[in-house]
Amino acid sequence: MTGSRPPQQEPNDPPTGAAQRLRSALAAPRLTRAMGSHSPLSARLAEEAGFDVVWSSGLEISATAGVPDANILALGECLDAAAGLAAAVDIPVLADCDSGFGNVNNVIHMVRSYEARGVAGVCIEDKQFPKLNSFIEGNQDLAPLDDFAGKIRAATETRTDMVVVARLEALISGQGMAEALRRADVYERAGADALLIHSKRKDPEEVFAFREAYHGGLPVIVVPTTYNQVTVEELEQRGFAMAIYANQALRSSIRAMRETLTKIMRDGTTLNVEPELAPLKEIFDLQRMPQMLQQQERYESLGRELAEAAQ
């Protein structure tokens, strides 16, 4: 018995809408690549670089707000951030929604709200609320299995077309492979569209073992943060559907900003950092300033023509 699913397109129909494009990407034979983002600007850079999907990263969004990744930010703050990403790019946005911001009723409200704002998919993890970032030592207790299965079913019966990803934290919490596979089977029967298997091992062998042992029909997503030596080719060969590079953009920007600010303070001038900075034109292009000026000229010219015709 499975949760409600949106009507499927015919095989040769082009995908329409953000959710359909995300679903199509997850079903593609090649590995789909998602880049973590925290702002419309970073999302546009990810799109420009050629990534298939933008990951609305809970870690990046909370870090940008200067608070821990521990459900400090409310649903509305995370929603506004994800919706800003979706409005800025033409590729689908998959939102990190932690453990669903509360109980099953919070999940229902979350799905309705994110879908209404143009977000293609949501990912919720099977840890207790409030959750703690998976790479922090602390409470990583799993939610009761029946509780989280209910959240997945509620999400899939609430959505119109949105992709619902169930994130498995059994390996993070130390519950082991058997528990991860047990939960994967239940979440698939609850109606999830894809699974995300998370690991903090320094090598990919744990996620490889999960993929080999999982015999269900859902696409499997990985987040190669700690096992960063793994390649796209290896993940494709192992049968994974998507890799999420969840925090590298933020981490690189922190390093670059810190170095630039330190040099300006040390040198007493910006002259020495200018060769390392993006020119203002790049900022204007990312802001789509040329398009704004073109449409301004177009409509001002049209307005003049209409006014003259009325004389």
Protein backbone atom coordinates (compact mmCIF):
# COMPACT_ATOMS: atom_id res chain seq x y z
CA MET A 1 0.00 0.00 0.00
CA THR A 2 1.52 3.30 -1.05
CA GLY A 3 0.77 6.98 -0.58
CA SER A 4 -0.93 9.05 -3.24
CA ARG A 5 1.27 9.95 -6.16
CA PRO A 6 0.75 12.57 -8.86
CA PRO A 7 -0.33 11.41 -12.32
CA GLN A 8 2.60 10.16 -14.37
CA GLN A 9 3.44 11.68 -17.74
CA GLU A 10 3.78 9.62 -20.86
CA PRO A 11 7.44 8.55 -21.40
CA ASN A 12 8.02 10.90 -24.33
CA ASP A 13 6.37 13.97 -22.81
CA PRO A 14 8.75 16.73 -21.74
CA PRO A 15 8.69 17.35 -17.98
CA THR A 16 6.60 20.36 -17.01
CA GLY A 17 6.87 22.31 -13.79
CA ALA A 18 9.63 22.31 -11.21
CA ALA A 19 8.46 19.15 -9.43
CA GLN A 20 8.20 17.19 -12.66
CA ARG A 21 11.67 18.32 -13.69
CA LEU A 22 13.05 17.22 -10.33
CA ARG A 23 11.31 13.87 -10.61
CA SER A 24 12.67 13.46 -14.14
CA ALA A 25 16.18 14.29 -12.94
CA LEU A 26 15.95 11.64 -10.20
CA ALA A 27 14.88 9.05 -12.77
CA ALA A 28 17.64 9.89 -15.27
CA PRO A 29 20.38 7.32 -15.93
CA ARG A 30 23.15 9.82 -15.17
CA LEU A 31 23.86 11.14 -11.69
CA THR A 32 21.97 14.35 -10.90
CA ARG A 33 24.12 16.97 -9.17
CA ALA A 34 22.69 19.37 -6.62
CA MET A 35 24.55 22.31 -5.07
CA GLY A 36 23.76 23.75 -1.67
CA SER A 37 22.67 27.37 -1.63
CA HIS A 38 21.59 29.95 0.91
CA SER A 39 20.74 32.99 -1.21
CA PRO A 40 19.39 33.79 -4.68
CA LEU A 41 22.90 34.90 -5.66
CA SER A 42 24.47 31.58 -4.66
CA ALA A 43 21.65 29.71 -6.42
CA ARG A 44 22.33 31.60 -9.64
CA LEU A 45 26.01 30.77 -9.39
CA ALA A 46 25.11 27.08 -8.99
CA GLU A 47 22.86 27.25 -12.05
CA GLU A 48 25.56 29.09 -14.01
CA ALA A 49 28.08 26.38 -13.12
CA GLY A 50 25.79 23.73 -14.60
CA PHE A 51 24.28 22.03 -11.57
CA ASP A 52 20.95 20.28 -12.17
CA VAL A 53 19.28 21.13 -8.86
CA VAL A 54 19.64 23.69 -6.08
CA TRP A 55 19.62 22.31 -2.53
CA SER A 56 18.10 24.83 -0.11
CA SER A 57 20.60 23.98 2.61
CA GLY A 58 19.51 24.15 6.24
CA LEU A 59 23.13 24.44 7.34
CA GLU A 60 23.88 27.28 4.91
CA ILE A 61 20.67 29.19 5.68
CA SER A 62 21.16 28.94 9.45
CA ALA A 63 24.85 29.83 9.18
CA THR A 64 24.02 32.88 7.08
CA ALA A 65 21.59 33.93 9.82
CA GLY A 66 24.36 33.44 12.38
CA VAL A 67 22.56 30.71 14.35
CA PRO A 68 23.26 26.98 14.90
CA ASP A 69 21.82 24.35 12.56
CA ALA A 70 19.50 23.02 15.25
CA ASN A 71 15.95 24.11 14.34
CA ILE A 72 16.59 27.60 15.69
CA LEU A 73 15.05 29.16 12.57
CA ALA A 74 11.28 28.79 12.22
CA LEU A 75 9.45 27.28 9.27
CA GLY A 76 8.63 30.71 7.84
CA GLU A 77 12.26 31.82 7.80
CA CYS A 78 13.40 28.63 6.04
CA LEU A 79 10.46 28.85 3.63
CA ASP A 80 11.28 32.43 2.66
CA ALA A 81 14.87 31.42 1.95
CA ALA A 82 13.87 28.42 -0.19
CA ALA A 83 11.25 30.41 -2.08
CA GLY A 84 13.85 33.07 -2.83
CA LEU A 85 16.06 30.44 -4.41
CA ALA A 86 13.17 29.03 -6.47
CA ALA A 87 12.29 32.50 -7.77
CA ALA A 88 15.89 33.20 -8.79
CA VAL A 89 16.67 30.17 -10.96
CA ASP A 90 15.16 28.01 -13.68
CA ILE A 91 16.36 24.71 -12.20
CA PRO A 92 14.39 22.85 -9.50
CA VAL A 93 14.91 23.59 -5.80
CA LEU A 94 14.92 20.73 -3.28
CA ALA A 95 14.49 22.09 0.25
CA ASP A 96 16.15 20.74 3.37
CA CYS A 97 13.27 20.78 5.87
CA ASP A 98 15.02 19.10 8.80
CA SER A 99 12.55 16.81 10.62
CA GLY A 100 9.48 18.64 9.36
CA PHE A 101 9.36 21.51 11.88
CA GLY A 102 7.30 19.56 14.38
CA ASN A 103 4.58 16.91 14.28
CA VAL A 104 2.48 15.62 11.41
CA ASN A 105 0.33 18.76 11.36
CA ASN A 106 3.44 20.90 10.96
CA VAL A 107 4.48 18.70 8.04
CA ILE A 108 1.10 19.16 6.34
CA HIS A 109 1.39 22.94 6.71
CA MET A 110 5.01 22.79 5.52
CA VAL A 111 4.19 20.90 2.32
CA ARG A 112 1.32 23.22 1.42
CA SER A 113 3.45 26.29 2.09
CA TYR A 114 6.56 25.16 0.20
CA GLU A 115 4.59 23.92 -2.79
CA ALA A 116 2.63 27.20 -3.00
CA ARG A 117 5.93 29.11 -3.19
CA GLY A 118 7.31 27.13 -6.15
CA VAL A 119 9.68 24.74 -4.37
CA ALA A 120 10.02 21.49 -6.33
CA GLY A 121 10.64 19.13 -3.44
CA VAL A 122 11.11 18.78 0.30
CA CYS A 123 13.44 16.48 2.22
CA ILE A 124 12.62 15.53 5.80
CA GLU A 125 14.82 13.44 8.08
CA ASP A 126 13.83 10.79 10.58
CA LYS A 127 15.30 12.42 13.66
CA GLN A 128 13.45 13.88 16.61
CA PHE A 129 12.47 17.55 16.68
CA PRO A 130 14.41 19.71 17.35
CA LYS A 131 17.15 18.17 15.24
CA LEU A 132 20.88 18.74 15.50
CA ASN A 133 23.24 18.92 12.53
CA SER A 134 24.34 15.38 11.70
CA PHE A 135 28.06 16.15 11.97
CA ILE A 136 27.81 17.54 15.53
CA GLU A 137 28.38 15.33 18.56
CA GLY A 138 25.14 15.35 20.51
CA ASN A 139 21.58 14.05 20.40
CA GLN A 140 21.09 12.23 17.11
CA ASP A 141 18.16 10.09 18.31
CA LEU A 142 15.82 8.79 15.63
CA ALA A 143 12.12 9.54 15.58
CA PRO A 144 9.87 6.55 16.29
CA LEU A 145 9.36 4.64 13.06
CA ASP A 146 5.58 4.92 13.06
CA ASP A 147 5.75 8.65 13.75
CA PHE A 148 8.00 9.38 10.79
CA ALA A 149 6.14 7.02 8.46
CA GLY A 150 3.01 9.00 9.30
CA LYS A 151 4.80 12.23 8.37
CA ILE A 152 5.79 10.82 4.98
CA ARG A 153 2.25 9.60 4.28
CA ALA A 154 0.82 12.98 5.34
CA ALA A 155 3.27 14.80 3.08
CA THR A 156 2.49 12.67 0.02
CA GLU A 157 -1.27 12.87 0.53
CA THR A 158 -1.10 16.65 0.99
CA ARG A 159 1.10 17.60 -1.95
CA THR A 160 -0.25 18.15 -5.42
CA ASP A 161 2.91 17.38 -7.37
CA MET A 162 5.82 18.07 -5.02
CA VAL A 163 8.63 15.52 -4.61
CA VAL A 164 8.93 14.12 -1.07
CA VAL A 165 12.34 12.76 -0.03
CA ALA A 166 12.76 10.68 3.13
CA ARG A 167 16.18 11.14 4.70
CA LEU A 168 17.55 8.16 6.63
CA GLU A 169 19.69 8.98 9.69
CA ALA A 170 20.13 5.46 11.09
CA LEU A 171 23.82 5.36 10.13
CA ILE A 172 24.40 8.80 11.66
CA SER A 173 22.70 7.81 14.92
CA GLY A 174 24.66 4.56 15.22
CA GLN A 175 21.59 2.34 14.74
CA GLY A 176 23.28 0.48 11.89
CA MET A 177 22.54 -0.86 8.45
CA ALA A 178 19.70 -3.21 9.37
CA GLU A 179 17.74 -0.33 10.88
CA ALA A 180 18.45 1.89 7.84
CA LEU A 181 17.12 -0.79 5.50
CA ARG A 182 14.08 -1.47 7.69
CA ARG A 183 13.20 2.20 7.69
CA ALA A 184 13.84 2.52 3.95
CA ASP A 185 11.25 -0.21 3.29
CA VAL A 186 8.66 1.45 5.54
CA TYR A 187 9.20 4.91 4.04
CA GLU A 188 8.87 3.52 0.53
CA ARG A 189 5.54 1.91 1.50
CA ALA A 190 4.50 5.20 3.09
CA GLY A 191 4.81 6.85 -0.34
CA ALA A 192 8.21 8.59 -0.39
CA ASP A 193 9.47 9.51 -3.87
CA ALA A 194 13.17 9.08 -3.03
CA LEU A 195 15.49 8.16 -0.18
CA LEU A 196 18.51 10.07 1.10
CA ILE A 197 21.00 7.88 2.93
CA HIS A 198 23.29 9.93 5.17
CA SER A 199 26.69 8.93 6.53
CA LYS A 200 29.56 10.69 8.29
CA ARG A 201 32.17 8.07 7.49
CA LYS A 202 35.39 9.27 5.85
CA ASP A 203 34.93 6.78 3.01
CA PRO A 204 31.87 5.88 0.91
CA GLU A 205 31.78 2.19 1.81
CA GLU A 206 28.83 2.59 4.17
CA VAL A 207 26.59 4.23 1.56
CA PHE A 208 27.84 1.78 -1.05
CA ALA A 209 26.78 -1.09 1.22
CA PHE A 210 23.35 0.46 1.72
CA ARG A 211 22.82 0.89 -2.02
CA GLU A 212 23.80 -2.71 -2.69
CA ALA A 213 21.52 -4.05 0.06
CA TYR A 214 18.53 -1.85 -0.76
CA HIS A 215 16.32 -3.66 -3.27
CA GLY A 216 13.40 -1.25 -3.36
CA GLY A 217 12.37 0.89 -6.28
CA LEU A 218 13.13 4.43 -5.08
CA PRO A 219 15.97 6.67 -6.27
CA VAL A 220 18.73 6.95 -3.66
CA ILE A 221 20.47 10.25 -2.87
CA VAL A 222 23.80 10.78 -1.11
CA VAL A 223 25.59 13.75 0.45
CA PRO A 224 29.37 13.23 0.00
CA THR A 225 30.56 15.79 2.53
CA THR A 226 32.89 13.63 4.64
CA TYR A 227 33.68 11.04 1.95
CA ASN A 228 34.65 13.76 -0.50
CA GLN A 229 37.04 11.59 -2.55
CA VAL A 230 34.13 9.79 -4.22
CA THR A 231 33.56 10.71 -7.87
CA VAL A 232 30.45 11.20 -9.99
CA GLU A 233 31.45 8.19 -12.06
CA GLU A 234 31.69 5.93 -8.98
CA LEU A 235 28.31 7.06 -7.71
CA GLU A 236 26.70 6.50 -11.12
CA GLN A 237 28.21 3.01 -11.35
CA ARG A 238 26.84 2.16 -7.90
CA GLY A 239 23.32 3.17 -8.93
CA PHE A 240 22.82 6.42 -7.02
CA ALA A 241 20.40 8.97 -8.44
CA MET A 242 21.70 12.25 -6.98
CA ALA A 243 24.66 13.71 -5.12
CA ILE A 244 24.11 16.81 -3.01
CA TYR A 245 27.14 19.04 -2.45
CA ALA A 246 25.45 20.57 0.54
CA ASN A 247 27.81 23.19 1.97
CA GLN A 248 30.86 23.74 -0.21
CA ALA A 249 29.66 27.06 -1.65
CA LEU A 250 29.21 28.57 1.79
CA ARG A 251 32.51 27.22 3.07
CA SER A 252 34.41 28.63 0.10
CA SER A 253 32.79 32.04 0.51
CA ILE A 254 33.70 32.19 4.21
CA ARG A 255 37.34 31.47 3.43
CA ALA A 256 37.45 34.05 0.62
CA MET A 257 35.72 36.78 2.62
CA ARG A 258 37.92 36.25 5.66
CA GLU A 259 41.10 36.48 3.59
CA THR A 260 39.93 39.62 1.78
CA LEU A 261 38.86 41.43 4.94
CA THR A 262 42.11 40.53 6.70
CA LYS A 263 44.18 41.91 3.81
CA ILE A 264 42.24 45.19 3.72
CA MET A 265 42.72 45.69 7.46
CA ARG A 266 46.41 44.80 7.24
CA ASP A 267 47.24 46.89 4.15
CA GLY A 268 45.03 49.90 4.77
CA THR A 269 43.93 49.86 1.14
CA THR A 270 41.82 47.70 -1.19
CA LEU A 271 44.39 47.95 -3.99
CA ASN A 272 46.05 44.63 -3.20
CA VAL A 273 42.84 42.61 -3.14
CA GLU A 274 41.33 43.99 -6.36
CA PRO A 275 42.91 41.31 -8.62
CA GLU A 276 41.15 38.62 -6.55
CA LEU A 277 37.71 40.23 -6.60
CA ALA A 278 34.88 39.74 -9.06
CA PRO A 279 34.40 42.92 -11.08
CA LEU A 280 31.25 44.92 -10.45
CA LYS A 281 30.00 43.92 -13.91
CA GLU A 282 29.70 40.32 -12.74
CA ILE A 283 27.52 41.43 -9.85
CA PHE A 284 25.36 43.50 -12.20
CA ASP A 285 25.00 40.52 -14.56
CA LEU A 286 23.99 38.20 -11.68
CA GLN A 287 21.47 40.82 -10.57
CA ARG A 288 20.17 40.81 -14.18
CA MET A 289 20.68 44.54 -14.41
CA PRO A 290 21.00 44.52 -18.25
CA GLN A 291 17.61 42.78 -18.53
CA MET A 292 16.07 45.32 -16.18
CA LEU A 293 17.34 48.25 -18.24
CA GLN A 294 16.13 46.63 -21.46
CA GLN A 295 12.62 46.11 -20.15
CA GLN A 296 12.59 49.61 -18.70
CA GLU A 297 13.48 51.06 -22.09
CA ARG A 298 10.93 48.86 -23.83
CA TYR A 299 8.01 49.87 -21.65
CA GLU A 300 8.97 53.54 -21.50
CA SER A 301 9.11 53.55 -25.31
CA LEU A 302 5.76 51.74 -25.51
CA GLY A 303 4.26 54.22 -23.04
CA ARG A 304 5.42 57.13 -25.17
CA GLU A 305 3.90 55.57 -28.30
CA LEU A 306 0.58 55.01 -26.55
CA ALA A 307 0.54 58.58 -25.23
CA GLU A 308 1.36 60.05 -28.66
CA ALA A 309 -1.34 57.98 -30.32
CA ALA A 310 -3.89 59.40 -27.91
CA GLN A 311 -3.12 63.02 -28.82
